[in-house]
Amino acid sequence: MIEFKNIVKKYRNKTIINPFTLDIEAGQLVVFIGPSGCGKTTLLKMINKLIQPTSGHIFVNGTDISKMNPIELRRNIGYVIQNTGLFPHMTIKENLELIPKLKGEEPEAVEKKTKELLSLVGLEANEYLHRFPKELSGGQQQRVGVARAFSTNSDIILMDEPFSALDPVTRSSLQDELFQMQKELNKTIIFVTHDMDEAIKIADKICILKDGDILQYDTPENILKNPANDFVEDFIGKRRVWNNPELLLAEDIMIHHPIKINAMRNVLQAIEIMKENKVDSLMVTDKSNILKGLVTLKSIQLLNRNTSIELVMEKNVLSVSQDANLISVLAMMNEHKIGYLPVVNQTNQLTGLITRSSILSALSSQLIDLEVAF
């Protein structure tokens, strides 16, 4: 969708962007973040040609934007800045409909889309369409700014610290609405911020920059769990995973090779396997490793030793997927009053087992890492 290829930017003798190469996939919300002066806004403005690179090329859908008309390019890219950029002498309706009308879209379609966009950002059309920007609060103006960016019907939206001047409650609300809009409308959004909490909350991928270089480009989860270097670790905060338990997934806290048994085995064999491995329960799987059930020592120790496990195993076993987070895992354990949860993949193959002990072990390792770091 968007490709930066060997981009360099210099101002006189100072290099702002070093050779920079990055691919951004269609439909993703990518956050550029880093300390002041790292080049994040410069890179953003290069996409709509507000800033020209010293060398290198940027491609949008395979087309080199250096060969495109800047006005046409910008009409097809939504742009949101910190102070909204709304025209003060125009009503909200006129602000939202300006670019669609310049592009020659049908008036009825434009009016319908305008009302839909206001609704998406939490504003009632009948109440706000004919107001002027000065009649709206800062948060309401920013909502209109977001709606206007989406009104271009473009595939790309650029957002340069759009929520940084808002109060925390309004900011959080707009982050939620932006995230939901992006999922519903499937736009490609490049979002500049200096706030790591904001980046984690909204991003599909985060690009951490420093002095014009990419230090790490990955999903929020991978950056938090595996920072590329000391600077990234310090920048995101050493305690951030501990403070955000929803970022710990089942695959991070599970036992990776749980003891299991085939349903064709008998009670005697199951008890011996438990003794040998010092466990009091066994996952029951078939030859394809599909989860079939569970047996516990308590449930079988008084049964006939020749009884088939298939006849006595618990078949309605709750399980979780590998991408379930710690919060949902604990909620399920508490709701059903159980101390274990098998982890399965999309085809119901057993991949792990979560126990209260494995959760404590994972959390303890986080604390140990923190103690070592400090």
Protein backbone atom coordinates (compact mmCIF):
# COMPACT_ATOMS: atom_id res chain seq x y z
CA MET A 1 0.00 0.00 0.00
CA ILE A 2 2.62 2.60 1.13
CA GLU A 3 6.31 1.95 0.55
CA PHE A 4 9.16 4.15 1.71
CA LYS A 5 12.26 3.24 -0.28
CA ASN A 6 15.67 4.59 0.79
CA ILE A 7 14.19 7.92 1.89
CA VAL A 8 16.71 10.55 3.04
CA LYS A 9 15.92 14.08 4.21
CA LYS A 10 18.54 16.76 4.83
CA TYR A 11 18.23 20.40 5.86
CA ARG A 12 21.44 22.12 4.83
CA ASN A 13 24.13 19.93 6.37
CA LYS A 14 21.89 18.23 8.92
CA THR A 15 20.40 14.82 8.14
CA ILE A 16 16.88 14.46 9.58
CA ILE A 17 16.00 11.10 8.00
CA ASN A 18 18.67 8.49 7.34
CA PRO A 19 18.15 5.94 4.55
CA PHE A 20 14.64 4.84 5.53
CA THR A 21 12.80 1.85 4.07
CA LEU A 22 9.41 0.68 5.31
CA ASP A 23 6.35 -1.13 3.93
CA ILE A 24 2.90 -0.36 5.34
CA GLU A 25 0.17 -2.85 4.50
CA ALA A 26 -3.29 -1.81 3.36
CA GLY A 27 -5.92 -1.57 6.11
CA GLN A 28 -3.44 -1.21 8.98
CA LEU A 29 -3.19 1.52 11.59
CA VAL A 30 0.52 2.23 11.94
CA VAL A 31 1.86 4.56 14.63
CA PHE A 32 5.08 6.55 14.22
CA ILE A 33 6.49 7.34 17.66
CA GLY A 34 9.72 8.56 19.12
CA PRO A 35 11.37 11.50 20.90
CA SER A 36 11.04 15.04 19.57
CA GLY A 37 13.07 15.57 16.41
CA CYS A 38 13.17 11.89 15.46
CA GLY A 39 11.56 12.53 12.05
CA LYS A 40 8.05 11.12 12.56
CA THR A 41 6.11 14.19 11.37
CA THR A 42 8.57 14.74 8.52
CA LEU A 43 7.91 11.22 7.25
CA LEU A 44 4.15 11.68 7.60
CA LYS A 45 4.18 14.89 5.55
CA MET A 46 6.22 13.25 2.82
CA ILE A 47 3.29 10.94 2.05
CA ASN A 48 1.12 13.84 0.84
CA LYS A 49 4.10 15.82 -0.53
CA LEU A 50 3.95 18.62 2.03
CA ILE A 51 7.66 17.83 2.46
CA GLN A 52 9.89 16.55 -0.33
CA PRO A 53 12.58 13.93 0.40
CA THR A 54 16.16 14.78 -0.46
CA SER A 55 16.46 11.38 -2.08
CA GLY A 56 14.55 8.13 -2.31
CA HIS A 57 11.01 7.34 -3.36
CA ILE A 58 7.57 6.82 -1.81
CA PHE A 59 5.08 4.56 -3.55
CA VAL A 60 1.32 4.46 -2.98
CA ASN A 61 -0.34 1.40 -4.48
CA GLY A 62 2.76 0.90 -6.60
CA THR A 63 2.80 4.46 -8.00
CA ASP A 64 5.73 6.78 -7.32
CA ILE A 65 4.11 9.86 -5.76
CA SER A 66 6.87 12.12 -7.13
CA LYS A 67 5.16 11.69 -10.50
CA MET A 68 1.69 12.55 -9.16
CA ASN A 69 -0.03 15.94 -9.08
CA PRO A 70 0.19 17.19 -5.45
CA ILE A 71 -3.36 18.58 -5.43
CA GLU A 72 -4.89 15.38 -6.75
CA LEU A 73 -2.78 13.34 -4.34
CA ARG A 74 -3.93 15.39 -1.33
CA ARG A 75 -7.59 15.26 -2.33
CA ASN A 76 -7.36 11.51 -2.02
CA ILE A 77 -5.57 11.43 1.34
CA GLY A 78 -7.33 12.40 4.58
CA TYR A 79 -5.29 14.62 6.90
CA VAL A 80 -5.93 15.40 10.58
CA ILE A 81 -3.75 17.74 12.65
CA GLN A 82 -3.71 18.81 16.29
CA ASN A 83 -5.74 22.03 15.84
CA THR A 84 -8.29 20.37 13.47
CA GLY A 85 -7.66 22.74 10.54
CA LEU A 86 -11.40 23.41 10.14
CA PHE A 87 -12.34 26.49 8.11
CA PRO A 88 -13.82 28.87 10.71
CA HIS A 89 -16.10 30.69 8.22
CA MET A 90 -17.72 27.42 7.07
CA THR A 91 -20.38 25.38 8.85
CA ILE A 92 -19.62 21.82 9.90
CA LYS A 93 -21.62 20.62 6.88
CA GLU A 94 -19.61 22.81 4.51
CA ASN A 95 -16.31 21.69 6.06
CA LEU A 96 -17.20 18.02 5.66
CA GLU A 97 -18.55 18.33 2.13
CA LEU A 98 -15.85 20.56 0.62
CA ILE A 99 -13.50 17.88 -0.76
CA PRO A 100 -16.25 15.43 -1.89
CA LYS A 101 -17.90 18.28 -3.86
CA LEU A 102 -14.57 19.35 -5.37
CA LYS A 103 -14.16 15.75 -6.53
CA GLY A 104 -17.54 15.90 -8.22
CA GLU A 105 -19.39 13.41 -6.07
CA GLU A 106 -23.19 13.29 -6.26
CA PRO A 107 -24.82 15.79 -3.82
CA GLU A 108 -27.25 13.24 -2.37
CA ALA A 109 -24.45 10.74 -1.75
CA VAL A 110 -22.29 13.45 -0.18
CA GLU A 111 -25.07 14.53 2.19
CA LYS A 112 -25.79 10.95 3.23
CA LYS A 113 -22.10 10.23 3.87
CA THR A 114 -21.74 13.46 5.88
CA LYS A 115 -24.49 12.42 8.28
CA GLU A 116 -23.07 8.89 8.58
CA LEU A 117 -19.60 10.20 9.41
CA LEU A 118 -20.90 12.54 12.09
CA SER A 119 -22.72 9.62 13.63
CA LEU A 120 -19.54 7.51 13.54
CA VAL A 121 -17.68 10.15 15.57
CA GLY A 122 -20.50 10.45 18.07
CA LEU A 123 -22.16 13.68 16.90
CA GLU A 124 -25.86 14.05 16.06
CA ALA A 125 -26.16 15.40 12.50
CA ASN A 126 -29.28 17.48 13.06
CA GLU A 127 -27.67 19.21 16.02
CA TYR A 128 -24.22 19.96 14.57
CA LEU A 129 -24.45 20.22 10.76
CA HIS A 130 -25.19 23.94 10.65
CA ARG A 131 -22.99 25.09 13.50
CA PHE A 132 -19.65 26.82 13.02
CA PRO A 133 -16.42 25.43 14.52
CA LYS A 134 -16.25 28.19 17.18
CA GLU A 135 -19.60 26.93 18.52
CA LEU A 136 -18.10 23.51 19.33
CA SER A 137 -15.84 22.38 22.16
CA GLY A 138 -12.27 21.34 21.41
CA GLY A 139 -13.20 17.67 21.55
CA GLN A 140 -16.18 18.18 19.25
CA GLN A 141 -14.03 20.09 16.76
CA GLN A 142 -11.51 17.26 16.76
CA ARG A 143 -14.30 14.75 16.08
CA VAL A 144 -15.33 16.82 13.06
CA GLY A 145 -11.69 16.91 11.96
CA VAL A 146 -11.55 13.12 12.04
CA ALA A 147 -14.87 12.89 10.17
CA ARG A 148 -13.57 15.28 7.50
CA ALA A 149 -10.48 13.15 6.95
CA PHE A 150 -12.71 10.15 6.31
CA SER A 151 -15.06 12.18 4.07
CA THR A 152 -12.51 12.16 1.24
CA ASN A 153 -13.39 8.50 0.66
CA SER A 154 -9.67 7.86 0.37
CA ASP A 155 -7.86 4.73 1.42
CA ILE A 156 -5.17 6.63 3.37
CA ILE A 157 -5.59 8.84 6.44
CA LEU A 158 -2.68 10.80 7.94
CA MET A 159 -3.00 11.92 11.57
CA ASP A 160 -0.40 14.18 13.21
CA GLU A 161 -0.85 14.11 17.01
CA PRO A 162 -4.58 14.81 16.57
CA PHE A 163 -5.61 14.21 20.18
CA SER A 164 -2.63 15.57 22.12
CA ALA A 165 -4.32 18.85 23.16
CA LEU A 166 -7.48 17.19 24.51
CA ASP A 167 -8.37 16.28 28.07
CA PRO A 168 -7.77 12.61 29.04
CA VAL A 169 -11.44 11.57 28.97
CA THR A 170 -12.13 13.09 25.54
CA ARG A 171 -8.85 11.74 24.23
CA SER A 172 -9.64 8.20 25.35
CA SER A 173 -13.11 8.41 23.82
CA LEU A 174 -11.72 9.56 20.46
CA GLN A 175 -9.08 6.83 20.49
CA ASP A 176 -11.84 4.26 20.91
CA GLU A 177 -13.90 5.79 18.10
CA LEU A 178 -10.91 5.99 15.76
CA PHE A 179 -10.07 2.35 16.41
CA GLN A 180 -13.65 1.32 15.68
CA MET A 181 -13.86 3.47 12.53
CA GLN A 182 -10.66 1.99 11.17
CA LYS A 183 -11.97 -1.54 11.66
CA GLU A 184 -15.34 -0.70 10.08
CA LEU A 185 -14.03 1.32 7.13
CA ASN A 186 -10.72 -0.55 6.65
CA LYS A 187 -8.62 2.55 5.98
CA THR A 188 -4.83 2.67 6.08
CA ILE A 189 -3.95 5.13 8.85
CA ILE A 190 -0.54 6.56 9.70
CA PHE A 191 -0.73 8.16 13.14
CA VAL A 192 1.99 10.28 14.75
CA THR A 193 2.13 10.48 18.55
CA HIS A 194 4.62 10.87 21.39
CA ASP A 195 2.38 8.90 23.79
CA MET A 196 3.20 5.20 24.11
CA ASP A 197 -0.08 4.42 25.88
CA GLU A 198 -1.96 5.87 22.92
CA ALA A 199 0.16 3.87 20.47
CA ILE A 200 -0.49 0.60 22.29
CA LYS A 201 -4.22 1.27 22.47
CA ILE A 202 -4.82 1.93 18.76
CA ALA A 203 -1.98 0.50 16.67
CA ASP A 204 -1.76 -2.61 14.55
CA LYS A 205 1.96 -1.89 14.26
CA ILE A 206 4.28 0.62 15.93
CA CYS A 207 7.36 2.15 14.31
CA ILE A 208 9.76 3.47 16.96
CA LEU A 209 12.10 6.15 15.58
CA LYS A 210 15.23 7.85 16.90
CA ASP A 211 17.41 10.34 15.04
CA GLY A 212 15.82 9.43 11.70
CA ASP A 213 16.35 5.68 12.10
CA ILE A 214 13.89 2.83 12.70
CA LEU A 215 14.74 1.13 15.98
CA GLN A 216 11.85 -1.35 15.89
CA TYR A 217 8.79 -1.93 13.69
CA ASP A 218 6.43 -4.56 15.05
CA THR A 219 3.11 -5.24 16.74
CA PRO A 220 2.55 -3.61 20.15
CA GLU A 221 2.68 -7.02 21.85
CA ASN A 222 6.03 -7.98 20.32
CA ILE A 223 7.58 -4.61 21.08
CA LEU A 224 6.46 -4.78 24.71
CA LYS A 225 7.61 -8.34 25.20
CA ASN A 226 10.77 -8.20 23.09
CA PRO A 227 12.17 -4.65 22.87
CA ALA A 228 14.94 -4.46 20.27
CA ASN A 229 17.43 -2.64 22.49
CA ASP A 230 17.90 -0.72 25.72
CA PHE A 231 16.63 2.53 24.24
CA VAL A 232 13.34 0.91 23.15
CA GLU A 233 12.98 -0.74 26.55
CA ASP A 234 13.50 2.57 28.34
CA PHE A 235 11.23 4.43 25.93
CA ILE A 236 8.26 2.08 26.32
CA GLY A 237 8.83 1.66 30.06
CA LYS A 238 10.11 -1.47 31.78
CA ARG A 239 6.92 -1.98 33.78
CA ARG A 240 4.48 -1.60 30.89
CA VAL A 241 3.73 -5.31 30.35
CA TRP A 242 3.25 -5.76 34.09
CA ASN A 243 0.90 -2.78 34.16
CA ASN A 244 -1.05 -4.08 31.14
CA PRO A 245 -1.91 -7.73 31.91
CA GLU A 246 -4.27 -7.86 28.93
CA LEU A 247 -1.13 -7.91 26.76
CA LEU A 248 -0.09 -11.28 28.20
CA LEU A 249 -1.62 -13.96 26.00
CA ALA A 250 -2.41 -17.60 26.70
CA GLU A 251 0.65 -18.71 24.73
CA ASP A 252 2.81 -16.57 27.07
CA ILE A 253 1.51 -18.12 30.29
CA MET A 254 0.78 -21.73 29.31
CA ILE A 255 2.70 -24.94 29.91
CA HIS A 256 3.90 -25.77 26.40
CA HIS A 257 4.08 -29.54 26.68
CA PRO A 258 1.23 -30.71 28.94
CA ILE A 259 1.12 -34.36 29.90
CA LYS A 260 -1.51 -36.12 27.82
CA ILE A 261 -2.94 -39.57 27.19
CA ASN A 262 -4.85 -41.41 24.48
CA ALA A 263 -8.48 -42.33 25.20
CA MET A 264 -7.69 -45.99 24.45
CA ARG A 265 -5.56 -46.26 27.60
CA ASN A 266 -7.03 -47.63 30.84
CA VAL A 267 -7.29 -46.24 34.37
CA LEU A 268 -4.22 -48.09 35.65
CA GLN A 269 -2.04 -46.69 32.87
CA ALA A 270 -3.40 -43.18 33.45
CA ILE A 271 -2.58 -43.32 37.17
CA GLU A 272 0.96 -44.54 36.44
CA ILE A 273 1.52 -41.74 33.92
CA MET A 274 0.34 -39.20 36.51
CA LYS A 275 2.67 -40.62 39.17
CA GLU A 276 5.61 -40.68 36.79
CA ASN A 277 5.10 -37.05 35.75
CA LYS A 278 4.01 -35.80 39.20
CA VAL A 279 0.68 -34.40 37.95
CA ASP A 280 -2.90 -34.97 39.08
CA SER A 281 -4.62 -34.59 35.71
CA LEU A 282 -4.14 -35.57 32.08
CA MET A 283 -5.35 -34.06 28.81
CA VAL A 284 -6.93 -36.67 26.55
CA THR A 285 -6.12 -36.35 22.85
CA ASP A 286 -6.44 -38.49 19.73
CA LYS A 287 -3.59 -39.43 17.37
CA SER A 288 -3.92 -36.03 15.63
CA ASN A 289 -3.53 -34.24 18.98
CA ILE A 290 -7.17 -33.09 18.93
CA LEU A 291 -8.39 -32.35 22.45
CA LYS A 292 -11.02 -34.92 23.43
CA GLY A 293 -11.29 -34.57 27.18
CA LEU A 294 -9.66 -34.63 30.59
CA VAL A 295 -9.14 -37.05 33.46
CA THR A 296 -8.12 -36.24 37.03
CA LEU A 297 -6.62 -38.50 39.66
CA LYS A 298 -9.50 -37.72 42.00
CA SER A 299 -12.10 -38.86 39.47
CA ILE A 300 -10.47 -42.19 38.55
CA GLN A 301 -8.46 -43.43 41.53
CA LEU A 302 -11.34 -45.55 42.94
CA LEU A 303 -12.42 -47.03 39.56
CA ASN A 304 -11.68 -50.46 38.13
CA ARG A 305 -8.12 -50.35 36.83
CA ASN A 306 -9.10 -51.94 33.51
CA THR A 307 -11.75 -49.31 32.68
CA SER A 308 -11.08 -47.46 29.43
CA ILE A 309 -10.29 -43.76 29.77
CA GLU A 310 -12.75 -43.08 26.96
CA LEU A 311 -15.58 -44.19 29.23
CA VAL A 312 -14.65 -42.09 32.25
CA MET A 313 -13.03 -38.94 30.91
CA GLU A 314 -14.71 -35.56 31.20
CA LYS A 315 -15.72 -34.64 27.64
CA ASN A 316 -17.14 -31.14 27.98
CA VAL A 317 -13.84 -29.44 28.71
CA LEU A 318 -13.54 -25.68 28.56
CA SER A 319 -10.59 -24.40 26.56
CA VAL A 320 -9.13 -21.11 25.32
CA SER A 321 -7.39 -20.04 22.13
CA GLN A 322 -3.71 -19.14 22.05
CA ASP A 323 -4.49 -15.43 21.65
CA ALA A 324 -6.83 -15.20 24.66
CA ASN A 325 -5.42 -12.66 27.10
CA LEU A 326 -4.69 -13.08 30.81
CA ILE A 327 -7.75 -11.07 31.87
CA SER A 328 -10.17 -13.34 29.97
CA VAL A 329 -8.36 -16.47 31.16
CA LEU A 330 -8.68 -15.45 34.81
CA ALA A 331 -12.31 -14.45 34.30
CA MET A 332 -13.13 -17.88 32.86
CA MET A 333 -11.30 -19.68 35.65
CA ASN A 334 -13.12 -17.69 38.31
CA GLU A 335 -16.53 -17.97 36.66
CA HIS A 336 -16.33 -21.76 36.34
CA LYS A 337 -14.28 -22.29 39.51
CA ILE A 338 -11.55 -24.28 37.77
CA GLY A 339 -7.79 -24.28 38.20
CA TYR A 340 -6.79 -25.24 34.65
CA LEU A 341 -7.60 -24.41 31.05
CA PRO A 342 -6.34 -26.31 27.99
CA VAL A 343 -5.09 -24.09 25.16
CA VAL A 344 -6.03 -25.07 21.61
CA ASN A 345 -5.39 -23.78 18.10
CA GLN A 346 -7.96 -23.11 15.39
CA THR A 347 -8.39 -26.83 14.64
CA ASN A 348 -8.82 -27.72 18.34
CA GLN A 349 -5.38 -29.28 18.61
CA LEU A 350 -3.90 -29.12 22.09
CA THR A 351 -1.01 -26.65 22.23
CA GLY A 352 -0.69 -26.02 25.95
CA LEU A 353 -2.23 -25.95 29.40
CA ILE A 354 -2.80 -23.01 31.72
CA THR A 355 -2.85 -23.62 35.45
CA ARG A 356 -2.82 -21.16 38.33
CA SER A 357 0.79 -22.22 38.91
CA SER A 358 1.77 -21.45 35.30
CA ILE A 359 0.16 -18.01 35.60
CA LEU A 360 2.06 -17.28 38.82
CA SER A 361 5.28 -18.50 37.21
CA ALA A 362 4.82 -16.19 34.20
CA LEU A 363 4.05 -13.19 36.39
CA SER A 364 6.95 -13.99 38.70
CA SER A 365 9.36 -14.06 35.75
CA GLN A 366 8.13 -10.58 34.79
CA LEU A 367 8.87 -9.35 38.31
CA ILE A 368 12.30 -10.97 38.31
CA ASP A 369 13.12 -9.23 35.00
CA LEU A 370 12.04 -5.92 36.51
CA GLU A 371 14.14 -6.45 39.65
CA VAL A 372 17.19 -7.28 37.54
CA ALA A 373 16.55 -4.22 35.34
CA PHE A 374 16.34 -1.90 38.33
